[in-house]
Every structure is written in structure tokens, then in C-alpha cells.
Amino acid sequence: MSSWVKYHFEHLRRWHEYARAIAKAARDLVPNARVYVIGGVAEDRTTVLSDIDILIIIPDTVSANKRRLYVDIMVRAMDLYGLPWDAPVELHIVGEGEARDYLEHSGRAIEID
């Protein structure tokens, strides 16, 4: 197994730690945000090409530029909560209305406190 593959799988093994860092950063910015891990990591079907899909549900009453919020959450998670800059995470930031579709189509969703 190549060193890159081992390195990437080590990141994937730390998914819960990374998800907690993202959750803390998200809730710093949007206190009522709900955070879930979805996709291959949640369903225990990771591959060398996997990333850690994190669903962040924000109240529909919050008017936020989701692209800007994405950046702000990532930077805060790195600066304050130790998220490595190369952590393979992908954020999906949605309102409560959109969240139903994500949760219904996810095989499994793990809520992060």
C-alpha cells in the first residue's frame, strides 16, 4: 500500500474528531446548527477515494451566504479546533427544508453533538 493511501486512510479513521471540529466551528457561527456525518463514512463503506461528508443544517430563518459560511466554518475549525488543512472533508450546508432530502436519501446519518 502506498504511503499516500495509508495517509489518506489515517485521515478517514479520524472522521469523528474532524466532524466534532466542524460541528464546534459551525455552532460558533450558527448556534442552532445541526451537524451529521453522511455518505460512505457513515455507512462504513470508505475507499481510498472517499471523503468525509458533513451535513450542516441551518435554520431557515438564518440568512447566510452558504459559500461564505463554508469558508468561515473550515477556517474556524482549522484555527480553533485543530482540523488539519488537508483533512478530506466536504461540507453540505442546507436549510431545514432541504435537509429532509439529504436525510431521506442518506443510507445512514450520524448526528454529531
C-alpha atoms as a PDB file:
ATOM      1  CA  MET A   1       0.000   0.000   0.000  1.00  0.00           C
ATOM      2  CA  SER A   2       1.434   3.382  -0.953  1.00  0.00           C
ATOM      3  CA  SER A   3       2.265   5.953   1.684  1.00  0.00           C
ATOM      4  CA  TRP A   4      -0.413   8.309   0.284  1.00  0.00           C
ATOM      5  CA  VAL A   5      -3.072   5.617   0.649  1.00  0.00           C
ATOM      6  CA  LYS A   6      -2.040   4.948   4.257  1.00  0.00           C
ATOM      7  CA  TYR A   7      -2.008   8.681   4.960  1.00  0.00           C
ATOM      8  CA  HIS A   8      -5.479   9.154   3.461  1.00  0.00           C
ATOM      9  CA  PHE A   9      -6.943   6.211   5.371  1.00  0.00           C
ATOM     10  CA  GLU A  10      -5.473   7.639   8.583  1.00  0.00           C
ATOM     11  CA  HIS A  11      -7.449  10.814   7.907  1.00  0.00           C
ATOM     12  CA  LEU A  12     -10.598   8.762   7.320  1.00  0.00           C
ATOM     13  CA  ARG A  13     -10.087   6.888  10.602  1.00  0.00           C
ATOM     14  CA  ARG A  14     -10.173  10.242  12.381  1.00  0.00           C
ATOM     15  CA  TRP A  15     -13.577  11.168  10.919  1.00  0.00           C
ATOM     16  CA  HIS A  16     -15.285  11.624  14.297  1.00  0.00           C
ATOM     17  CA  GLU A  17     -12.586  14.002  15.532  1.00  0.00           C
ATOM     18  CA  TYR A  18     -12.838  16.030  12.329  1.00  0.00           C
ATOM     19  CA  ALA A  19     -16.636  16.082  12.456  1.00  0.00           C
ATOM     20  CA  ARG A  20     -16.551  17.389  16.045  1.00  0.00           C
ATOM     21  CA  ALA A  21     -14.188  20.203  14.994  1.00  0.00           C
ATOM     22  CA  ILE A  22     -16.544  21.150  12.156  1.00  0.00           C
ATOM     23  CA  ALA A  23     -19.584  20.943  14.463  1.00  0.00           C
ATOM     24  CA  LYS A  24     -17.985  23.247  17.034  1.00  0.00           C
ATOM     25  CA  ALA A  25     -16.999  25.764  14.372  1.00  0.00           C
ATOM     26  CA  ALA A  26     -20.447  25.633  12.753  1.00  0.00           C
ATOM     27  CA  ARG A  27     -22.205  26.175  16.077  1.00  0.00           C
ATOM     28  CA  ASP A  28     -19.912  29.065  16.929  1.00  0.00           C
ATOM     29  CA  LEU A  29     -21.241  30.786  13.809  1.00  0.00           C
ATOM     30  CA  VAL A  30     -24.814  29.415  13.764  1.00  0.00           C
ATOM     31  CA  PRO A  31     -25.704  28.298  17.308  1.00  0.00           C
ATOM     32  CA  ASN A  32     -28.746  26.205  16.290  1.00  0.00           C
ATOM     33  CA  ALA A  33     -26.933  24.305  13.533  1.00  0.00           C
ATOM     34  CA  ARG A  34     -27.381  20.539  13.449  1.00  0.00           C
ATOM     35  CA  VAL A  35     -24.449  18.503  12.170  1.00  0.00           C
ATOM     36  CA  TYR A  36     -24.409  14.985  10.716  1.00  0.00           C
ATOM     37  CA  VAL A  37     -21.870  12.739   9.024  1.00  0.00           C
ATOM     38  CA  ILE A  38     -23.437  11.182   5.927  1.00  0.00           C
ATOM     39  CA  GLY A  39     -22.242   9.194   2.939  1.00  0.00           C
ATOM     40  CA  GLY A  40     -19.640   6.467   2.767  1.00  0.00           C
ATOM     41  CA  VAL A  41     -18.050   7.149   6.139  1.00  0.00           C
ATOM     42  CA  ALA A  42     -21.414   6.999   7.942  1.00  0.00           C
ATOM     43  CA  GLU A  43     -22.332   3.856   6.025  1.00  0.00           C
ATOM     44  CA  ASP A  44     -18.947   2.207   6.682  1.00  0.00           C
ATOM     45  CA  ARG A  45     -18.083   1.929   3.001  1.00  0.00           C
ATOM     46  CA  THR A  46     -14.954   4.022   2.659  1.00  0.00           C
ATOM     47  CA  THR A  47     -12.464   3.672  -0.155  1.00  0.00           C
ATOM     48  CA  VAL A  48      -9.159   5.339  -0.901  1.00  0.00           C
ATOM     49  CA  LEU A  49     -11.088   7.995  -2.839  1.00  0.00           C
ATOM     50  CA  SER A  50     -13.584   8.716  -0.037  1.00  0.00           C
ATOM     51  CA  ASP A  51     -14.042  11.985   1.736  1.00  0.00           C
ATOM     52  CA  ILE A  52     -15.932  12.781   4.922  1.00  0.00           C
ATOM     53  CA  ASP A  53     -19.323  14.229   4.017  1.00  0.00           C
ATOM     54  CA  ILE A  54     -20.643  16.524   6.730  1.00  0.00           C
ATOM     55  CA  LEU A  55     -24.194  17.827   6.531  1.00  0.00           C
ATOM     56  CA  ILE A  56     -24.758  21.125   8.338  1.00  0.00           C
ATOM     57  CA  ILE A  57     -28.399  22.079   8.746  1.00  0.00           C
ATOM     58  CA  ILE A  58     -29.037  25.721   9.498  1.00  0.00           C
ATOM     59  CA  PRO A  59     -32.414  27.169  10.491  1.00  0.00           C
ATOM     60  CA  ASP A  60     -34.390  28.521   7.544  1.00  0.00           C
ATOM     61  CA  THR A  61     -34.626  31.804   9.442  1.00  0.00           C
ATOM     62  CA  VAL A  62     -30.857  32.314   9.159  1.00  0.00           C
ATOM     63  CA  SER A  63     -29.993  34.242   6.038  1.00  0.00           C
ATOM     64  CA  ALA A  64     -26.436  33.309   5.234  1.00  0.00           C
ATOM     65  CA  ASN A  65     -24.243  33.198   2.172  1.00  0.00           C
ATOM     66  CA  LYS A  66     -23.610  29.440   2.200  1.00  0.00           C
ATOM     67  CA  ARG A  67     -20.381  29.732   0.239  1.00  0.00           C
ATOM     68  CA  ARG A  68     -19.003  32.263   2.726  1.00  0.00           C
ATOM     69  CA  LEU A  69     -20.268  30.176   5.655  1.00  0.00           C
ATOM     70  CA  TYR A  70     -18.461  27.131   4.205  1.00  0.00           C
ATOM     71  CA  VAL A  71     -15.165  29.016   4.207  1.00  0.00           C
ATOM     72  CA  ASP A  72     -15.744  30.532   7.651  1.00  0.00           C
ATOM     73  CA  ILE A  73     -16.525  27.131   9.186  1.00  0.00           C
ATOM     74  CA  MET A  74     -13.466  25.491   7.620  1.00  0.00           C
ATOM     75  CA  VAL A  75     -11.097  28.276   8.687  1.00  0.00           C
ATOM     76  CA  ARG A  76     -12.508  28.335  12.222  1.00  0.00           C
ATOM     77  CA  ALA A  77     -12.284  24.531  12.512  1.00  0.00           C
ATOM     78  CA  MET A  78      -8.627  24.681  11.458  1.00  0.00           C
ATOM     79  CA  ASP A  79      -7.648  27.709  13.529  1.00  0.00           C
ATOM     80  CA  LEU A  80      -9.508  26.917  16.752  1.00  0.00           C
ATOM     81  CA  TYR A  81     -10.304  23.213  16.775  1.00  0.00           C
ATOM     82  CA  GLY A  82      -7.306  21.521  15.169  1.00  0.00           C
ATOM     83  CA  LEU A  83      -8.794  20.388  11.869  1.00  0.00           C
ATOM     84  CA  PRO A  84      -5.816  19.578   9.607  1.00  0.00           C
ATOM     85  CA  TRP A  85      -5.686  21.739   6.489  1.00  0.00           C
ATOM     86  CA  ASP A  86      -5.658  18.611   4.334  1.00  0.00           C
ATOM     87  CA  ALA A  87      -8.498  16.774   6.077  1.00  0.00           C
ATOM     88  CA  PRO A  88     -10.700  15.232   3.368  1.00  0.00           C
ATOM     89  CA  VAL A  89     -13.973  16.815   4.468  1.00  0.00           C
ATOM     90  CA  GLU A  90     -16.784  18.084   2.286  1.00  0.00           C
ATOM     91  CA  LEU A  91     -19.440  20.290   3.819  1.00  0.00           C
ATOM     92  CA  HIS A  92     -23.051  20.275   2.670  1.00  0.00           C
ATOM     93  CA  ILE A  93     -24.735  23.354   4.134  1.00  0.00           C
ATOM     94  CA  VAL A  94     -28.510  23.347   3.762  1.00  0.00           C
ATOM     95  CA  GLY A  95     -31.612  24.882   5.276  1.00  0.00           C
ATOM     96  CA  GLU A  96     -34.108  22.797   7.214  1.00  0.00           C
ATOM     97  CA  GLY A  97     -36.338  22.370   4.158  1.00  0.00           C
ATOM     98  CA  GLU A  98     -33.524  20.965   2.012  1.00  0.00           C
ATOM     99  CA  ALA A  99     -32.256  18.785   4.849  1.00  0.00           C
ATOM    100  CA  ARG A 100     -35.145  16.338   4.558  1.00  0.00           C
ATOM    101  CA  ASP A 101     -33.974  15.314   1.079  1.00  0.00           C
ATOM    102  CA  TYR A 102     -30.413  14.738   2.269  1.00  0.00           C
ATOM    103  CA  LEU A 103     -31.501  12.724   5.296  1.00  0.00           C
ATOM    104  CA  GLU A 104     -34.054  10.661   3.353  1.00  0.00           C
ATOM    105  CA  HIS A 105     -31.510   9.732   0.682  1.00  0.00           C
ATOM    106  CA  SER A 106     -28.673   9.008   3.082  1.00  0.00           C
ATOM    107  CA  GLY A 107     -28.397   5.378   3.989  1.00  0.00           C
ATOM    108  CA  ARG A 108     -27.291   6.455   7.438  1.00  0.00           C
ATOM    109  CA  ALA A 109     -26.709   9.788   9.160  1.00  0.00           C
ATOM    110  CA  ILE A 110     -24.683  10.113  12.357  1.00  0.00           C
ATOM    111  CA  GLU A 111     -25.541  13.188  14.407  1.00  0.00           C
ATOM    112  CA  ILE A 112     -22.557  14.987  15.920  1.00  0.00           C
ATOM    113  CA  ASP A 113     -23.130  16.639  19.289  1.00  0.00           C
END
